[in-house]
Amino acid sequence: MGAEAENELIARCRQGEPEAWDELFDRHYAAAGRFIFQLDSDFTREDADEICQEVFLAVIRNLGSFQGESQFQTWLFRIAANKARDYRERQHAAKRGGRQKPVSLQAEDPETGLTLDPPAGAPGPDALLAHAEQAALVHGALGELDAPCREIVELRYFGDLSYEEIGAALKLNAKTVSSRLSRCLDRLEAIVRHLFARERTPAFPSNS
């Protein structure tokens, strides 16, 4: 759907047309569900569906605040990241109360930072996630990134947004998005390497 057609659809939703809401959900519900499901390796399909329902309830309540400064899906994914964070924190509290191992957190925050130019060739999370046995560690590494880095990595690799779309959402130009993303990927790689090394370290020192 083109931008003009989507703007018309959103306008119809604001006017309260039930058919327009149905069309908006049909167009974006599956993509939002995929985005949510990829945010945490501990999420089940049922978790993603529950979060997705919370997301679209928030869309219904807050569509009036959407000013069109970014694509609708970019705005939607930011709501989804917030709702996923809230859901994850509730899980964390419940599991901690039940003396179970807590899940890692990946909070989303709208503030941004980091402006250094990175070295070329930084690996993306999609490459790090190539092996299923490493997925949990990568998600744990994402949880250790600062909030601005988590946001830009999640929007790029889990939301599949372009640099221009991320820039519109974060009020940055595409060149700055590229620079900050590369720096964040450098940080993510360092955290992942540290976690992998820690996983391979014996729990007790050898007596030999």
Protein backbone atom coordinates (compact mmCIF):
# COMPACT_ATOMS: atom_id res chain seq x y z
CA MET A 1 0.00 0.00 0.00
CA GLY A 2 1.32 3.42 -0.95
CA ALA A 3 1.72 6.25 1.52
CA GLU A 4 -1.25 8.18 0.14
CA ALA A 5 -3.56 5.17 0.30
CA GLU A 6 -2.44 4.37 3.84
CA ASN A 7 -3.02 7.97 4.93
CA GLU A 8 -6.54 7.73 3.53
CA LEU A 9 -7.07 4.46 5.40
CA ILE A 10 -5.87 6.01 8.66
CA ALA A 11 -8.18 8.99 8.10
CA ARG A 12 -11.12 6.61 7.70
CA CYS A 13 -10.11 4.85 10.92
CA ARG A 14 -10.13 8.20 12.73
CA GLN A 15 -13.64 8.75 11.43
CA GLY A 16 -14.67 5.51 13.11
CA GLU A 17 -15.29 3.31 10.07
CA PRO A 18 -15.30 -0.36 11.25
CA GLU A 19 -14.30 -1.59 7.77
CA ALA A 20 -11.27 0.69 7.81
CA TRP A 21 -10.11 -0.68 11.18
CA ASP A 22 -10.53 -4.23 9.88
CA GLU A 23 -8.42 -3.38 6.84
CA LEU A 24 -5.73 -1.69 8.94
CA PHE A 25 -5.47 -4.72 11.24
CA ASP A 26 -5.41 -7.15 8.31
CA ARG A 27 -2.54 -5.22 6.72
CA HIS A 28 -0.35 -4.89 9.81
CA TYR A 29 -1.27 -7.53 12.41
CA ALA A 30 0.92 -10.32 10.99
CA ALA A 31 3.97 -8.06 10.58
CA ALA A 32 3.59 -6.78 14.14
CA GLY A 33 3.31 -10.35 15.42
CA ARG A 34 6.50 -11.39 13.62
CA PHE A 35 8.34 -8.35 14.97
CA ILE A 36 7.24 -9.10 18.54
CA PHE A 37 8.06 -12.80 18.30
CA GLN A 38 11.65 -12.01 17.26
CA LEU A 39 12.27 -9.59 20.12
CA ASP A 40 12.87 -12.31 22.70
CA SER A 41 13.83 -15.96 22.25
CA ASP A 42 11.63 -16.83 25.25
CA PHE A 43 8.44 -15.51 23.64
CA THR A 44 6.01 -18.17 22.45
CA ARG A 45 3.53 -17.67 19.64
CA GLU A 46 0.87 -17.26 22.31
CA ASP A 47 2.94 -14.54 24.01
CA ALA A 48 3.37 -12.71 20.71
CA ASP A 49 -0.35 -12.92 19.99
CA GLU A 50 -1.25 -11.58 23.45
CA ILE A 51 1.21 -8.68 23.07
CA CYS A 52 -0.07 -7.99 19.58
CA GLN A 53 -3.60 -7.63 20.91
CA GLU A 54 -2.33 -5.11 23.47
CA VAL A 55 -0.54 -3.25 20.67
CA PHE A 56 -3.65 -2.83 18.56
CA LEU A 57 -5.73 -1.78 21.54
CA ALA A 58 -3.10 0.94 22.05
CA VAL A 59 -3.35 1.85 18.36
CA ILE A 60 -7.13 2.27 18.68
CA ARG A 61 -6.71 4.50 21.72
CA ASN A 62 -3.79 6.56 20.38
CA LEU A 63 -4.22 6.83 16.63
CA GLY A 64 -5.08 10.49 17.09
CA SER A 65 -1.51 11.11 18.31
CA PHE A 66 0.01 9.68 15.11
CA GLN A 67 1.13 12.74 13.15
CA GLY A 68 2.48 10.97 10.07
CA GLU A 69 6.10 12.04 10.68
CA SER A 70 7.12 8.41 10.09
CA GLN A 71 5.44 5.52 8.33
CA PHE A 72 2.54 4.02 10.23
CA GLN A 73 4.37 0.69 10.56
CA THR A 74 7.37 2.42 12.14
CA TRP A 75 5.06 3.99 14.74
CA LEU A 76 3.34 0.64 15.21
CA PHE A 77 6.64 -1.18 15.81
CA ARG A 78 7.65 1.35 18.45
CA ILE A 79 4.39 0.68 20.29
CA ALA A 80 5.05 -3.05 19.88
CA ALA A 81 8.55 -2.71 21.36
CA ASN A 82 7.09 -0.89 24.37
CA LYS A 83 4.35 -3.46 24.90
CA ALA A 84 6.85 -6.31 24.52
CA ARG A 85 9.05 -4.67 27.15
CA ASP A 86 6.11 -4.35 29.54
CA TYR A 87 5.08 -7.96 28.96
CA ARG A 88 8.66 -9.16 29.45
CA GLU A 89 8.94 -7.22 32.71
CA ARG A 90 5.72 -8.84 33.96
CA GLN A 91 7.14 -12.25 33.07
CA HIS A 92 10.38 -11.34 34.81
CA ALA A 93 8.55 -10.36 38.00
CA ALA A 94 6.39 -13.48 37.94
CA LYS A 95 9.30 -15.84 37.39
CA ARG A 96 11.39 -14.14 40.03
CA GLY A 97 8.53 -14.51 42.46
CA GLY A 98 8.35 -18.19 41.60
CA ARG A 99 12.12 -18.60 42.04
CA GLN A 100 12.58 -19.40 38.39
CA LYS A 101 15.35 -18.15 36.16
CA PRO A 102 14.45 -14.63 34.95
CA VAL A 103 14.39 -13.72 31.29
CA SER A 104 16.66 -11.09 29.85
CA LEU A 105 15.18 -7.63 29.34
CA GLN A 106 15.27 -5.59 26.16
CA ALA A 107 13.80 -2.24 27.14
CA GLU A 108 12.91 0.30 24.47
CA ASP A 109 13.58 4.00 24.99
CA PRO A 110 12.99 6.86 22.55
CA GLU A 111 16.20 8.74 23.51
CA THR A 112 19.17 8.41 21.14
CA GLY A 113 22.92 8.95 21.32
CA LEU A 114 26.24 7.70 19.92
CA THR A 115 27.76 9.51 16.97
CA LEU A 116 31.15 7.91 16.33
CA ASP A 117 31.96 6.54 12.89
CA PRO A 118 32.53 2.76 13.13
CA PRO A 119 34.91 0.48 11.25
CA ALA A 120 33.45 -1.07 8.13
CA GLY A 121 32.10 -4.60 8.00
CA ALA A 122 30.40 -4.82 11.40
CA PRO A 123 28.33 -8.02 11.56
CA GLY A 124 24.56 -7.81 11.88
CA PRO A 125 22.39 -9.67 14.38
CA ASP A 126 20.98 -11.77 11.55
CA ALA A 127 24.43 -13.33 11.08
CA LEU A 128 24.85 -13.86 14.81
CA LEU A 129 21.47 -15.57 14.93
CA ALA A 130 22.40 -18.03 12.17
CA HIS A 131 22.90 -20.84 14.69
CA ALA A 132 19.86 -21.62 16.82
CA GLU A 133 21.95 -22.61 19.84
CA GLN A 134 23.37 -19.08 19.96
CA ALA A 135 20.02 -17.27 19.82
CA ALA A 136 19.47 -17.09 23.57
CA LEU A 137 22.91 -15.60 24.12
CA VAL A 138 22.35 -13.02 21.40
CA HIS A 139 19.06 -11.97 22.96
CA GLY A 140 20.85 -11.76 26.29
CA ALA A 141 23.45 -9.55 24.65
CA LEU A 142 20.73 -7.28 23.30
CA GLY A 143 19.46 -6.97 26.85
CA GLU A 144 22.86 -5.62 27.92
CA LEU A 145 22.94 -2.87 25.28
CA ASP A 146 21.95 0.64 26.32
CA ALA A 147 18.37 1.58 25.44
CA PRO A 148 19.16 3.72 22.33
CA CYS A 149 21.21 0.89 20.84
CA ARG A 150 18.51 -1.69 21.53
CA GLU A 151 15.97 0.52 19.82
CA ILE A 152 17.94 1.10 16.64
CA VAL A 153 19.04 -2.57 16.34
CA GLU A 154 15.51 -3.85 16.92
CA LEU A 155 13.96 -1.46 14.40
CA ARG A 156 16.57 -2.32 11.77
CA TYR A 157 16.89 -6.10 12.12
CA PHE A 158 13.63 -7.21 13.75
CA GLY A 159 11.39 -4.50 12.33
CA ASP A 160 13.16 -4.66 8.93
CA LEU A 161 12.97 -0.88 8.59
CA SER A 162 15.15 1.06 6.19
CA TYR A 163 17.63 3.70 7.37
CA GLU A 164 15.23 6.35 6.08
CA GLU A 165 12.30 4.90 8.05
CA ILE A 166 14.39 4.63 11.22
CA GLY A 167 15.59 8.17 10.70
CA ALA A 168 12.00 9.40 10.38
CA ALA A 169 11.04 7.60 13.59
CA LEU A 170 14.05 8.81 15.59
CA LYS A 171 14.32 12.26 13.93
CA LEU A 172 17.77 11.52 12.51
CA ASN A 173 19.19 11.61 9.00
CA ALA A 174 20.00 8.32 7.29
CA LYS A 175 23.77 8.85 7.52
CA THR A 176 23.56 9.28 11.30
CA VAL A 177 21.37 6.17 11.55
CA SER A 178 24.00 4.18 9.64
CA SER A 179 26.82 5.45 11.84
CA ARG A 180 25.00 4.81 15.11
CA LEU A 181 23.77 1.40 14.02
CA SER A 182 27.29 0.31 13.09
CA ARG A 183 28.64 1.47 16.45
CA CYS A 184 25.84 -0.39 18.24
CA LEU A 185 26.62 -3.55 16.27
CA ASP A 186 30.25 -3.27 17.36
CA ARG A 187 29.06 -3.12 20.97
CA LEU A 188 26.70 -6.03 20.43
CA GLU A 189 29.48 -8.15 18.93
CA ALA A 190 31.75 -7.43 21.92
CA ILE A 191 29.01 -8.40 24.38
CA VAL A 192 28.22 -11.58 22.44
CA ARG A 193 31.91 -12.60 22.38
CA HIS A 194 32.10 -12.04 26.14
CA LEU A 195 28.98 -14.13 26.76
CA PHE A 196 30.22 -16.93 24.50
CA ALA A 197 33.55 -16.98 26.34
CA ARG A 198 31.77 -17.06 29.70
CA GLU A 199 29.59 -19.96 28.54
CA ARG A 200 32.71 -21.97 27.73
CA THR A 201 34.45 -21.21 31.04
CA PRO A 202 34.18 -24.08 33.59
CA ALA A 203 32.05 -23.31 36.62
CA PHE A 204 34.89 -24.38 38.95
CA PRO A 205 38.64 -23.92 38.49
CA SER A 206 40.66 -26.93 37.51
CA ASN A 207 43.00 -28.52 40.11
CA SER A 208 45.44 -29.60 37.45
